N, C-alpha and C. Protein backbone atom coordinates (compact mmCIF):
# COMPACT_ATOMS: atom_id res chain seq x y z
N SER A 1 -23.66 -10.75 -36.70
CA SER A 1 -23.10 -11.00 -35.37
C SER A 1 -21.59 -11.11 -35.48
N HIS A 2 -20.92 -10.76 -34.41
CA HIS A 2 -19.46 -10.77 -34.42
C HIS A 2 -18.93 -11.69 -33.34
N SER A 3 -17.83 -12.35 -33.68
CA SER A 3 -17.11 -13.14 -32.69
C SER A 3 -15.67 -12.69 -32.71
N TYR A 4 -14.97 -12.91 -31.64
CA TYR A 4 -13.58 -12.50 -31.56
C TYR A 4 -12.71 -13.71 -31.25
N PRO A 5 -11.51 -13.76 -31.83
CA PRO A 5 -10.62 -14.87 -31.52
C PRO A 5 -10.27 -14.87 -30.05
N ASP A 6 -9.83 -16.01 -29.56
CA ASP A 6 -9.52 -16.16 -28.14
C ASP A 6 -8.39 -15.22 -27.77
N ILE A 7 -8.72 -14.14 -27.07
CA ILE A 7 -7.74 -13.10 -26.75
C ILE A 7 -7.04 -13.48 -25.45
N ARG A 8 -5.76 -13.73 -25.52
CA ARG A 8 -5.00 -14.06 -24.32
C ARG A 8 -4.14 -12.88 -23.94
N TYR A 9 -4.43 -12.36 -22.77
CA TYR A 9 -3.67 -11.20 -22.30
C TYR A 9 -2.31 -11.68 -21.83
N PRO A 10 -1.19 -11.12 -22.34
CA PRO A 10 0.14 -11.62 -21.99
C PRO A 10 0.53 -11.33 -20.54
N ILE A 11 0.52 -12.35 -19.72
CA ILE A 11 0.93 -12.22 -18.33
C ILE A 11 2.09 -13.17 -18.09
N LYS A 12 3.21 -12.66 -17.58
CA LYS A 12 4.35 -13.51 -17.30
C LYS A 12 4.03 -14.49 -16.19
N MET A 13 4.49 -15.71 -16.35
CA MET A 13 4.29 -16.70 -15.30
C MET A 13 5.18 -16.37 -14.11
N SER A 14 4.70 -16.66 -12.92
CA SER A 14 5.46 -16.38 -11.71
C SER A 14 6.70 -17.25 -11.66
N GLU A 15 7.77 -16.70 -11.14
CA GLU A 15 8.98 -17.48 -10.95
C GLU A 15 8.76 -18.46 -9.81
N GLU A 16 9.69 -19.42 -9.67
CA GLU A 16 9.54 -20.38 -8.60
C GLU A 16 9.42 -19.65 -7.27
N SER A 17 8.44 -20.05 -6.51
CA SER A 17 8.17 -19.34 -5.26
C SER A 17 9.20 -19.69 -4.20
N ASN A 18 9.54 -18.70 -3.42
CA ASN A 18 10.44 -18.88 -2.29
C ASN A 18 9.60 -19.32 -1.10
N PRO A 19 9.92 -20.48 -0.50
CA PRO A 19 9.11 -20.97 0.62
C PRO A 19 9.07 -20.01 1.80
N GLU A 20 10.09 -19.15 1.88
CA GLU A 20 10.15 -18.22 3.01
C GLU A 20 9.50 -16.88 2.69
N LYS A 21 9.32 -16.61 1.39
CA LYS A 21 8.76 -15.32 0.98
C LYS A 21 7.77 -15.53 -0.16
N PRO A 22 6.53 -15.10 0.00
CA PRO A 22 5.54 -15.30 -1.07
C PRO A 22 5.98 -14.58 -2.35
N ALA A 23 5.78 -15.24 -3.48
CA ALA A 23 6.16 -14.63 -4.76
C ALA A 23 5.26 -13.44 -5.05
N GLU A 24 5.87 -12.34 -5.50
CA GLU A 24 5.08 -11.16 -5.82
C GLU A 24 4.36 -11.39 -7.15
N LYS A 25 3.17 -10.88 -7.24
CA LYS A 25 2.37 -11.07 -8.43
C LYS A 25 3.00 -10.31 -9.60
N LYS A 26 3.07 -10.96 -10.75
CA LYS A 26 3.62 -10.34 -11.93
C LYS A 26 2.56 -9.49 -12.61
N HIS A 27 2.97 -8.34 -13.09
CA HIS A 27 2.04 -7.43 -13.75
C HIS A 27 2.55 -7.11 -15.15
N LEU A 28 2.30 -8.05 -16.09
CA LEU A 28 2.63 -7.81 -17.49
C LEU A 28 4.10 -7.47 -17.68
N GLY A 29 4.95 -7.94 -16.79
CA GLY A 29 6.37 -7.64 -16.89
C GLY A 29 6.71 -6.20 -16.53
N ILE A 30 5.78 -5.49 -15.89
CA ILE A 30 6.03 -4.10 -15.50
C ILE A 30 7.02 -4.10 -14.33
N PRO A 31 8.17 -3.46 -14.48
CA PRO A 31 9.14 -3.43 -13.37
C PRO A 31 8.64 -2.58 -12.21
N LYS A 32 8.94 -3.02 -11.01
CA LYS A 32 8.52 -2.27 -9.84
C LYS A 32 9.47 -1.10 -9.62
N ALA A 33 8.92 0.08 -9.37
CA ALA A 33 9.73 1.27 -9.09
C ALA A 33 10.10 1.27 -7.61
N GLU A 34 11.39 1.26 -7.34
CA GLU A 34 11.84 1.24 -5.96
C GLU A 34 11.85 2.66 -5.38
N PHE A 35 11.30 2.80 -4.20
CA PHE A 35 11.28 4.10 -3.53
C PHE A 35 12.69 4.47 -3.06
N LEU A 36 13.11 5.70 -3.37
CA LEU A 36 14.44 6.18 -2.98
C LEU A 36 14.39 6.67 -1.53
N ASP A 37 14.62 5.75 -0.63
CA ASP A 37 14.60 6.11 0.79
C ASP A 37 15.86 6.89 1.18
N ASP A 38 17.01 6.46 0.65
CA ASP A 38 18.30 7.10 0.96
C ASP A 38 18.84 7.73 -0.32
N VAL A 39 18.55 9.01 -0.51
CA VAL A 39 18.98 9.69 -1.73
C VAL A 39 20.49 9.87 -1.75
N ASP A 40 21.10 10.08 -0.59
CA ASP A 40 22.56 10.21 -0.54
C ASP A 40 23.23 8.97 -1.11
N ALA A 41 22.79 7.81 -0.67
CA ALA A 41 23.37 6.55 -1.15
C ALA A 41 23.07 6.36 -2.63
N PHE A 42 21.88 6.73 -3.04
CA PHE A 42 21.49 6.58 -4.45
C PHE A 42 22.37 7.43 -5.36
N MET A 43 22.67 8.66 -4.93
CA MET A 43 23.48 9.56 -5.76
C MET A 43 24.94 9.14 -5.82
N LYS A 44 25.36 8.24 -4.94
CA LYS A 44 26.74 7.75 -4.97
C LYS A 44 26.90 6.52 -5.86
N LEU A 45 25.77 6.01 -6.37
CA LEU A 45 25.83 4.84 -7.24
C LEU A 45 26.48 5.19 -8.58
N PRO A 46 27.18 4.24 -9.20
CA PRO A 46 27.80 4.48 -10.51
C PRO A 46 26.75 4.92 -11.53
N GLY A 47 27.07 5.93 -12.29
CA GLY A 47 26.15 6.44 -13.30
C GLY A 47 25.40 7.67 -12.86
N ASN A 48 25.29 7.87 -11.54
CA ASN A 48 24.60 9.05 -11.03
C ASN A 48 25.62 10.15 -10.75
N THR A 49 26.32 10.56 -11.81
CA THR A 49 27.41 11.52 -11.64
C THR A 49 26.90 12.93 -11.40
N THR A 50 25.82 13.30 -12.06
CA THR A 50 25.25 14.64 -11.86
C THR A 50 23.75 14.52 -11.60
N VAL A 51 23.21 15.52 -10.93
CA VAL A 51 21.78 15.54 -10.65
C VAL A 51 20.99 15.61 -11.95
N ARG A 52 21.50 16.39 -12.89
CA ARG A 52 20.80 16.54 -14.17
C ARG A 52 20.68 15.20 -14.89
N ASP A 53 21.79 14.48 -14.99
CA ASP A 53 21.76 13.17 -15.66
C ASP A 53 20.86 12.19 -14.92
N THR A 54 20.90 12.23 -13.60
CA THR A 54 20.08 11.33 -12.80
C THR A 54 18.60 11.61 -13.00
N LEU A 55 18.23 12.88 -13.00
CA LEU A 55 16.84 13.25 -13.21
C LEU A 55 16.37 12.88 -14.62
N LEU A 56 17.28 12.99 -15.59
CA LEU A 56 16.93 12.61 -16.96
C LEU A 56 16.64 11.11 -17.05
N LYS A 57 17.44 10.31 -16.34
CA LYS A 57 17.21 8.86 -16.33
C LYS A 57 15.90 8.51 -15.64
N LEU A 58 15.63 9.19 -14.53
CA LEU A 58 14.36 8.95 -13.83
C LEU A 58 13.17 9.38 -14.68
N GLU A 59 13.32 10.48 -15.40
CA GLU A 59 12.25 10.96 -16.28
C GLU A 59 12.02 9.98 -17.43
N GLU A 60 13.11 9.41 -17.95
CA GLU A 60 12.99 8.43 -19.02
C GLU A 60 12.21 7.20 -18.54
N GLN A 61 12.52 6.74 -17.33
CA GLN A 61 11.81 5.60 -16.77
C GLN A 61 10.33 5.96 -16.54
N TYR A 62 10.11 7.18 -16.08
CA TYR A 62 8.74 7.65 -15.83
C TYR A 62 7.92 7.65 -17.13
N GLN A 63 8.53 8.10 -18.22
CA GLN A 63 7.84 8.15 -19.50
C GLN A 63 7.55 6.75 -20.04
N LYS A 64 8.42 5.79 -19.72
CA LYS A 64 8.16 4.40 -20.11
C LYS A 64 6.91 3.88 -19.41
N TYR A 65 6.77 4.23 -18.14
CA TYR A 65 5.56 3.85 -17.40
C TYR A 65 4.33 4.50 -18.03
N ARG A 66 4.46 5.75 -18.43
CA ARG A 66 3.34 6.45 -19.07
C ARG A 66 2.95 5.76 -20.38
N PHE A 67 3.95 5.31 -21.14
CA PHE A 67 3.70 4.63 -22.39
C PHE A 67 2.94 3.32 -22.15
N MET A 68 3.38 2.58 -21.12
CA MET A 68 2.69 1.33 -20.77
C MET A 68 1.26 1.61 -20.33
N GLU A 69 1.07 2.70 -19.60
CA GLU A 69 -0.27 3.07 -19.15
C GLU A 69 -1.18 3.36 -20.34
N SER A 70 -0.63 4.04 -21.34
CA SER A 70 -1.41 4.36 -22.54
C SER A 70 -1.83 3.09 -23.27
N ASN A 71 -0.90 2.13 -23.39
CA ASN A 71 -1.21 0.86 -24.05
C ASN A 71 -2.28 0.08 -23.30
N LEU A 72 -2.18 0.06 -21.98
CA LEU A 72 -3.16 -0.67 -21.17
C LEU A 72 -4.54 -0.02 -21.27
N ASN A 73 -4.58 1.30 -21.28
CA ASN A 73 -5.86 1.99 -21.40
C ASN A 73 -6.52 1.69 -22.75
N GLU A 74 -5.69 1.55 -23.79
CA GLU A 74 -6.22 1.21 -25.12
C GLU A 74 -6.78 -0.22 -25.13
N LYS A 75 -6.09 -1.14 -24.47
CA LYS A 75 -6.59 -2.51 -24.37
C LYS A 75 -7.88 -2.57 -23.57
N LYS A 76 -7.93 -1.78 -22.51
CA LYS A 76 -9.14 -1.73 -21.69
C LYS A 76 -10.32 -1.21 -22.51
N LYS A 77 -10.07 -0.19 -23.29
CA LYS A 77 -11.13 0.40 -24.13
C LYS A 77 -11.68 -0.64 -25.11
N LYS A 78 -10.79 -1.40 -25.74
CA LYS A 78 -11.22 -2.41 -26.71
C LYS A 78 -12.01 -3.53 -26.03
N LEU A 79 -11.54 -3.95 -24.85
CA LEU A 79 -12.23 -5.02 -24.13
C LEU A 79 -13.63 -4.60 -23.70
N LYS A 80 -13.78 -3.34 -23.31
CA LYS A 80 -15.09 -2.85 -22.85
C LYS A 80 -16.08 -2.74 -24.01
N VAL A 81 -15.56 -2.73 -25.24
CA VAL A 81 -16.43 -2.78 -26.42
C VAL A 81 -16.73 -4.23 -26.78
N GLN A 82 -15.72 -5.08 -26.69
CA GLN A 82 -15.86 -6.48 -27.09
C GLN A 82 -16.82 -7.26 -26.20
N ILE A 83 -16.73 -7.05 -24.89
CA ILE A 83 -17.53 -7.86 -23.96
C ILE A 83 -19.03 -7.72 -24.20
N PRO A 84 -19.60 -6.50 -24.27
CA PRO A 84 -21.04 -6.41 -24.55
C PRO A 84 -21.39 -6.89 -25.96
N ASP A 85 -20.45 -6.73 -26.92
CA ASP A 85 -20.70 -7.20 -28.28
C ASP A 85 -20.83 -8.73 -28.30
N ILE A 86 -19.93 -9.40 -27.58
CA ILE A 86 -19.99 -10.86 -27.49
C ILE A 86 -21.28 -11.30 -26.80
N LYS A 87 -21.65 -10.59 -25.74
CA LYS A 87 -22.88 -10.92 -25.01
C LYS A 87 -24.10 -10.79 -25.93
N ALA A 88 -24.15 -9.73 -26.71
CA ALA A 88 -25.28 -9.52 -27.62
C ALA A 88 -25.32 -10.61 -28.69
N THR A 89 -24.16 -11.02 -29.17
CA THR A 89 -24.09 -12.08 -30.17
C THR A 89 -24.59 -13.40 -29.60
N LEU A 90 -24.23 -13.67 -28.35
CA LEU A 90 -24.70 -14.89 -27.69
C LEU A 90 -26.22 -14.90 -27.57
N GLU A 91 -26.79 -13.75 -27.24
CA GLU A 91 -28.24 -13.67 -27.13
C GLU A 91 -28.91 -13.95 -28.48
N THR A 92 -28.30 -13.44 -29.54
CA THR A 92 -28.83 -13.69 -30.89
C THR A 92 -28.78 -15.19 -31.22
N ILE A 93 -27.66 -15.82 -30.87
CA ILE A 93 -27.50 -17.26 -31.12
C ILE A 93 -28.56 -18.05 -30.36
N LYS A 94 -28.80 -17.68 -29.11
CA LYS A 94 -29.81 -18.37 -28.30
C LYS A 94 -31.20 -18.21 -28.91
N HIS A 95 -31.49 -17.02 -29.43
CA HIS A 95 -32.79 -16.78 -30.08
C HIS A 95 -32.95 -17.67 -31.30
N LEU A 96 -31.91 -17.76 -32.13
CA LEU A 96 -31.96 -18.61 -33.32
C LEU A 96 -32.15 -20.07 -32.93
N GLN A 97 -31.50 -20.46 -31.84
CA GLN A 97 -31.61 -21.84 -31.37
C GLN A 97 -33.05 -22.16 -30.94
N SER A 98 -33.67 -21.22 -30.23
CA SER A 98 -35.06 -21.44 -29.79
C SER A 98 -36.01 -21.46 -30.98
N GLN A 99 -35.72 -20.61 -31.99
CA GLN A 99 -36.56 -20.60 -33.18
C GLN A 99 -36.43 -21.90 -33.97
N LYS A 100 -35.25 -22.47 -33.95
CA LYS A 100 -35.02 -23.74 -34.65
C LYS A 100 -35.81 -24.86 -33.97
N LYS A 101 -35.83 -24.85 -32.65
CA LYS A 101 -36.56 -25.89 -31.92
C LYS A 101 -38.06 -25.83 -32.23
N GLU A 102 -38.56 -24.61 -32.40
CA GLU A 102 -39.99 -24.43 -32.67
C GLU A 102 -40.29 -24.39 -34.16
N GLU A 103 -39.21 -24.54 -34.98
CA GLU A 103 -39.36 -24.49 -36.44
C GLU A 103 -40.06 -23.21 -36.88
N LYS A 104 -39.65 -22.09 -36.28
CA LYS A 104 -40.22 -20.79 -36.62
C LYS A 104 -39.18 -19.94 -37.35
N ALA A 105 -39.66 -19.15 -38.29
CA ALA A 105 -38.77 -18.21 -38.97
C ALA A 105 -38.63 -16.96 -38.11
N SER A 106 -37.52 -16.24 -38.29
CA SER A 106 -37.27 -15.00 -37.53
C SER A 106 -37.26 -13.81 -38.47
N MET A 107 -37.96 -12.77 -38.08
CA MET A 107 -37.92 -11.51 -38.82
C MET A 107 -36.86 -10.62 -38.18
N VAL A 108 -35.92 -10.13 -38.99
CA VAL A 108 -34.83 -9.31 -38.46
C VAL A 108 -34.63 -8.07 -39.32
N ASN A 109 -34.04 -7.08 -38.73
CA ASN A 109 -33.57 -5.89 -39.45
C ASN A 109 -32.05 -5.91 -39.45
N PHE A 110 -31.46 -5.79 -40.61
CA PHE A 110 -29.99 -5.81 -40.67
C PHE A 110 -29.48 -4.53 -41.31
N LEU A 111 -28.27 -4.17 -40.93
CA LEU A 111 -27.67 -2.91 -41.36
C LEU A 111 -27.08 -3.03 -42.76
N LEU A 112 -27.52 -2.17 -43.66
CA LEU A 112 -26.96 -2.12 -45.00
C LEU A 112 -25.82 -1.12 -45.07
N SER A 113 -26.04 0.04 -44.48
CA SER A 113 -25.02 1.08 -44.38
C SER A 113 -25.42 1.99 -43.24
N ASP A 114 -24.65 3.01 -42.98
CA ASP A 114 -24.93 3.89 -41.85
C ASP A 114 -26.36 4.42 -41.90
N GLY A 115 -27.17 4.04 -40.89
CA GLY A 115 -28.53 4.54 -40.78
C GLY A 115 -29.52 3.90 -41.72
N LEU A 116 -29.10 2.90 -42.52
CA LEU A 116 -29.99 2.26 -43.48
C LEU A 116 -30.12 0.78 -43.15
N TYR A 117 -31.36 0.36 -42.84
CA TYR A 117 -31.63 -1.03 -42.49
C TYR A 117 -32.60 -1.65 -43.48
N ALA A 118 -32.56 -2.97 -43.56
CA ALA A 118 -33.51 -3.72 -44.40
C ALA A 118 -34.05 -4.89 -43.58
N SER A 119 -35.24 -5.33 -43.90
CA SER A 119 -35.85 -6.45 -43.20
C SER A 119 -35.61 -7.74 -43.96
N ALA A 120 -35.51 -8.82 -43.19
CA ALA A 120 -35.32 -10.13 -43.82
C ALA A 120 -35.94 -11.20 -42.94
N GLN A 121 -36.29 -12.30 -43.57
CA GLN A 121 -36.84 -13.44 -42.84
C GLN A 121 -35.79 -14.55 -42.84
N ILE A 122 -35.44 -15.01 -41.63
CA ILE A 122 -34.46 -16.08 -41.50
C ILE A 122 -35.19 -17.38 -41.19
N PRO A 123 -35.10 -18.36 -42.08
CA PRO A 123 -35.76 -19.64 -41.81
C PRO A 123 -35.07 -20.36 -40.65
N PRO A 124 -35.74 -21.32 -40.04
CA PRO A 124 -35.10 -22.08 -38.96
C PRO A 124 -33.77 -22.66 -39.41
N THR A 125 -32.74 -22.50 -38.61
CA THR A 125 -31.41 -22.96 -38.99
C THR A 125 -30.64 -23.43 -37.77
N ASP A 126 -29.72 -24.33 -38.01
CA ASP A 126 -28.83 -24.77 -36.93
C ASP A 126 -27.39 -24.38 -37.22
N LYS A 127 -27.24 -23.43 -38.18
CA LYS A 127 -25.89 -22.96 -38.53
C LYS A 127 -25.87 -21.44 -38.58
N VAL A 128 -24.71 -20.88 -38.22
CA VAL A 128 -24.52 -19.42 -38.26
C VAL A 128 -23.12 -19.14 -38.79
N CYS A 129 -22.94 -17.93 -39.28
CA CYS A 129 -21.61 -17.48 -39.72
C CYS A 129 -21.14 -16.38 -38.78
N LEU A 130 -19.91 -16.49 -38.31
CA LEU A 130 -19.35 -15.51 -37.38
C LEU A 130 -18.12 -14.85 -38.00
N TRP A 131 -18.05 -13.52 -37.82
CA TRP A 131 -16.85 -12.79 -38.24
C TRP A 131 -15.75 -13.08 -37.22
N LEU A 132 -14.58 -13.46 -37.70
CA LEU A 132 -13.45 -13.71 -36.82
C LEU A 132 -12.42 -12.59 -36.89
N GLY A 133 -12.66 -11.61 -37.74
CA GLY A 133 -11.71 -10.52 -37.90
C GLY A 133 -10.85 -10.75 -39.13
N ALA A 134 -10.14 -9.70 -39.56
CA ALA A 134 -9.25 -9.76 -40.73
C ALA A 134 -10.02 -10.26 -41.96
N ASN A 135 -11.28 -9.81 -42.11
CA ASN A 135 -12.13 -10.18 -43.25
C ASN A 135 -12.35 -11.69 -43.36
N VAL A 136 -12.36 -12.37 -42.22
CA VAL A 136 -12.57 -13.82 -42.21
C VAL A 136 -13.91 -14.13 -41.55
N MET A 137 -14.73 -14.91 -42.24
CA MET A 137 -16.01 -15.37 -41.69
C MET A 137 -16.06 -16.89 -41.83
N LEU A 138 -16.46 -17.57 -40.75
CA LEU A 138 -16.56 -19.03 -40.77
C LEU A 138 -17.96 -19.47 -40.35
N GLU A 139 -18.37 -20.60 -40.89
CA GLU A 139 -19.67 -21.17 -40.55
C GLU A 139 -19.52 -22.15 -39.40
N TYR A 140 -20.42 -22.04 -38.43
CA TYR A 140 -20.43 -22.93 -37.27
C TYR A 140 -21.84 -23.46 -37.06
N THR A 141 -21.92 -24.61 -36.40
CA THR A 141 -23.23 -25.02 -35.90
C THR A 141 -23.55 -24.09 -34.72
N ILE A 142 -24.81 -24.02 -34.35
CA ILE A 142 -25.18 -23.15 -33.24
C ILE A 142 -24.47 -23.58 -31.95
N ALA A 143 -24.34 -24.88 -31.74
CA ALA A 143 -23.67 -25.38 -30.55
C ALA A 143 -22.20 -24.96 -30.54
N GLU A 144 -21.53 -25.06 -31.69
CA GLU A 144 -20.12 -24.66 -31.79
C GLU A 144 -19.97 -23.16 -31.58
N ALA A 145 -20.91 -22.39 -32.16
CA ALA A 145 -20.84 -20.93 -32.02
C ALA A 145 -21.01 -20.52 -30.56
N LYS A 146 -21.95 -21.15 -29.86
CA LYS A 146 -22.16 -20.83 -28.44
C LYS A 146 -20.92 -21.15 -27.62
N GLU A 147 -20.30 -22.29 -27.89
CA GLU A 147 -19.10 -22.67 -27.15
C GLU A 147 -17.97 -21.68 -27.40
N LEU A 148 -17.77 -21.28 -28.66
CA LEU A 148 -16.72 -20.32 -29.00
C LEU A 148 -16.97 -18.97 -28.35
N LEU A 149 -18.20 -18.50 -28.42
CA LEU A 149 -18.53 -17.19 -27.87
C LEU A 149 -18.41 -17.17 -26.34
N ARG A 150 -18.84 -18.25 -25.70
CA ARG A 150 -18.71 -18.32 -24.24
C ARG A 150 -17.25 -18.34 -23.82
N LYS A 151 -16.44 -19.05 -24.58
CA LYS A 151 -15.01 -19.10 -24.29
C LYS A 151 -14.39 -17.72 -24.43
N ASN A 152 -14.75 -17.02 -25.51
CA ASN A 152 -14.22 -15.67 -25.74
C ASN A 152 -14.75 -14.67 -24.71
N GLN A 153 -16.00 -14.85 -24.31
CA GLN A 153 -16.58 -13.97 -23.30
C GLN A 153 -15.85 -14.13 -21.97
N SER A 154 -15.59 -15.37 -21.59
CA SER A 154 -14.87 -15.64 -20.34
C SER A 154 -13.45 -15.09 -20.40
N SER A 155 -12.79 -15.31 -21.54
CA SER A 155 -11.42 -14.83 -21.70
C SER A 155 -11.35 -13.31 -21.66
N ALA A 156 -12.27 -12.65 -22.37
CA ALA A 156 -12.27 -11.18 -22.40
C ALA A 156 -12.56 -10.59 -21.02
N THR A 157 -13.47 -11.22 -20.26
CA THR A 157 -13.79 -10.75 -18.91
C THR A 157 -12.59 -10.89 -17.99
N GLU A 158 -11.90 -12.03 -18.07
CA GLU A 158 -10.70 -12.24 -17.26
C GLU A 158 -9.61 -11.24 -17.64
N ASN A 159 -9.48 -10.99 -18.94
CA ASN A 159 -8.47 -10.04 -19.40
C ASN A 159 -8.73 -8.63 -18.89
N LEU A 160 -10.01 -8.25 -18.83
CA LEU A 160 -10.36 -6.92 -18.34
C LEU A 160 -9.98 -6.78 -16.87
N VAL A 161 -10.20 -7.83 -16.10
CA VAL A 161 -9.80 -7.82 -14.69
C VAL A 161 -8.30 -7.64 -14.57
N LYS A 162 -7.54 -8.37 -15.41
CA LYS A 162 -6.08 -8.30 -15.37
C LYS A 162 -5.58 -6.92 -15.79
N VAL A 163 -6.24 -6.35 -16.80
CA VAL A 163 -5.85 -5.01 -17.25
C VAL A 163 -6.05 -4.00 -16.13
N ASN A 164 -7.18 -4.07 -15.44
CA ASN A 164 -7.46 -3.14 -14.34
C ASN A 164 -6.44 -3.32 -13.21
N GLU A 165 -6.08 -4.56 -12.92
CA GLU A 165 -5.07 -4.82 -11.88
C GLU A 165 -3.73 -4.22 -12.28
N ASP A 166 -3.36 -4.42 -13.55
CA ASP A 166 -2.08 -3.88 -14.03
C ASP A 166 -2.08 -2.35 -14.04
N LEU A 167 -3.22 -1.76 -14.38
CA LEU A 167 -3.31 -0.30 -14.38
C LEU A 167 -3.16 0.25 -12.96
N ASN A 168 -3.78 -0.40 -11.99
CA ASN A 168 -3.65 0.04 -10.60
C ASN A 168 -2.20 -0.07 -10.14
N PHE A 169 -1.55 -1.19 -10.49
CA PHE A 169 -0.15 -1.38 -10.14
C PHE A 169 0.72 -0.31 -10.81
N LEU A 170 0.43 -0.04 -12.07
CA LEU A 170 1.21 0.94 -12.83
C LEU A 170 1.06 2.35 -12.27
N ARG A 171 -0.13 2.69 -11.83
CA ARG A 171 -0.35 4.02 -11.24
C ARG A 171 0.48 4.19 -9.96
N ASN A 172 0.62 3.11 -9.20
CA ASN A 172 1.46 3.17 -8.01
C ASN A 172 2.92 3.40 -8.37
N GLN A 173 3.36 2.78 -9.47
CA GLN A 173 4.75 2.97 -9.90
C GLN A 173 4.98 4.40 -10.39
N LEU A 174 3.98 4.96 -11.06
CA LEU A 174 4.08 6.35 -11.52
C LEU A 174 4.18 7.30 -10.32
N THR A 175 3.39 7.04 -9.31
CA THR A 175 3.43 7.88 -8.10
C THR A 175 4.81 7.78 -7.44
N THR A 176 5.33 6.56 -7.36
CA THR A 176 6.66 6.36 -6.76
C THR A 176 7.72 7.12 -7.54
N MET A 177 7.65 7.07 -8.88
CA MET A 177 8.63 7.77 -9.70
C MET A 177 8.52 9.29 -9.52
N GLU A 178 7.30 9.80 -9.41
CA GLU A 178 7.12 11.23 -9.20
C GLU A 178 7.74 11.67 -7.87
N VAL A 179 7.53 10.85 -6.84
CA VAL A 179 8.11 11.15 -5.52
C VAL A 179 9.63 11.06 -5.58
N ASN A 180 10.15 10.05 -6.29
CA ASN A 180 11.61 9.89 -6.41
C ASN A 180 12.25 11.11 -7.07
N MET A 181 11.64 11.60 -8.15
CA MET A 181 12.20 12.76 -8.84
C MET A 181 12.16 13.99 -7.94
N ALA A 182 11.07 14.12 -7.19
CA ALA A 182 10.96 15.26 -6.28
C ALA A 182 12.01 15.17 -5.17
N ARG A 183 12.27 13.95 -4.68
CA ARG A 183 13.26 13.77 -3.62
C ARG A 183 14.68 14.09 -4.11
N VAL A 184 14.99 13.68 -5.34
CA VAL A 184 16.31 14.00 -5.90
C VAL A 184 16.46 15.50 -6.10
N HIS A 185 15.39 16.14 -6.60
CA HIS A 185 15.43 17.60 -6.79
C HIS A 185 15.61 18.31 -5.46
N ASN A 186 14.87 17.91 -4.45
CA ASN A 186 14.98 18.54 -3.13
C ASN A 186 16.35 18.28 -2.51
N TRP A 187 16.88 17.08 -2.73
CA TRP A 187 18.23 16.76 -2.24
C TRP A 187 19.25 17.71 -2.85
N ASP A 188 19.09 18.00 -4.14
CA ASP A 188 20.02 18.90 -4.83
C ASP A 188 19.88 20.33 -4.31
N VAL A 189 18.65 20.77 -4.07
CA VAL A 189 18.42 22.12 -3.54
C VAL A 189 19.08 22.26 -2.16
N LYS A 190 18.90 21.23 -1.33
CA LYS A 190 19.49 21.25 0.01
C LYS A 190 21.00 21.25 -0.07
N ARG A 191 21.56 20.44 -0.99
CA ARG A 191 23.02 20.37 -1.14
C ARG A 191 23.59 21.71 -1.58
N ARG A 192 22.93 22.34 -2.54
CA ARG A 192 23.40 23.64 -3.02
C ARG A 192 23.33 24.69 -1.91
N SER A 193 22.27 24.61 -1.12
CA SER A 193 22.11 25.57 -0.03
C SER A 193 23.23 25.40 1.00
N GLN A 194 23.56 24.15 1.32
CA GLN A 194 24.63 23.87 2.28
C GLN A 194 25.97 24.33 1.75
N GLU A 195 26.22 24.14 0.44
CA GLU A 195 27.47 24.56 -0.16
C GLU A 195 27.59 26.08 -0.17
N ALA A 196 26.45 26.75 -0.39
CA ALA A 196 26.47 28.22 -0.39
C ALA A 196 26.79 28.75 1.00
N VAL A 197 26.26 28.12 2.04
CA VAL A 197 26.54 28.52 3.41
C VAL A 197 28.01 28.33 3.72
N LYS A 198 28.58 27.20 3.29
CA LYS A 198 29.99 26.92 3.56
C LYS A 198 30.90 27.91 2.84
N SER A 199 30.53 28.28 1.64
CA SER A 199 31.37 29.21 0.87
C SER A 199 31.37 30.61 1.46
N HIS A 200 30.37 30.94 2.24
CA HIS A 200 30.30 32.27 2.84
C HIS A 200 30.73 32.27 4.30
N SER A 201 31.11 31.11 4.79
CA SER A 201 31.50 31.05 6.21
C SER A 201 33.02 31.20 6.34
């Protein structure tokens, strides 16, 4: 059976709330992408000297969002494996606990290597060993093991919810960045067209 250390998903604490304006929910420190409503004003800001440089900066920010999305998807994948694994381990612990109460031995099949199992008889016991990761295994009483596993199960479930919320928020930021880049490109096309008309008039 496997157990996992208490996984705490890093979420920034909210800043002091403004009584006049509800504090926006923090999403793993992911910066919010501001929609470029006024491209003319945006292009006049310091640093936006050329359309090419501006688009490169927007693309760089976009790729940072993509990188964060990749990391979150990897965390989600791990959590979706951990949660059922923890649940299965809890069920095993409960079975051992019931067998201990009835003073019955348990017949089990355990994995020796890929595709190779062996049978064993487990006498009634009130202790189990759990893998904690990094080649570390510790012995717990059944009561301690259940408490640890339930804590980790709750934590992992909460973390999965937070990951999904952050992914949804991140996808919105990616969409905003895609629209922003398109708006800057279209602004440049329109500007060039207007300049071409003026040069021929």
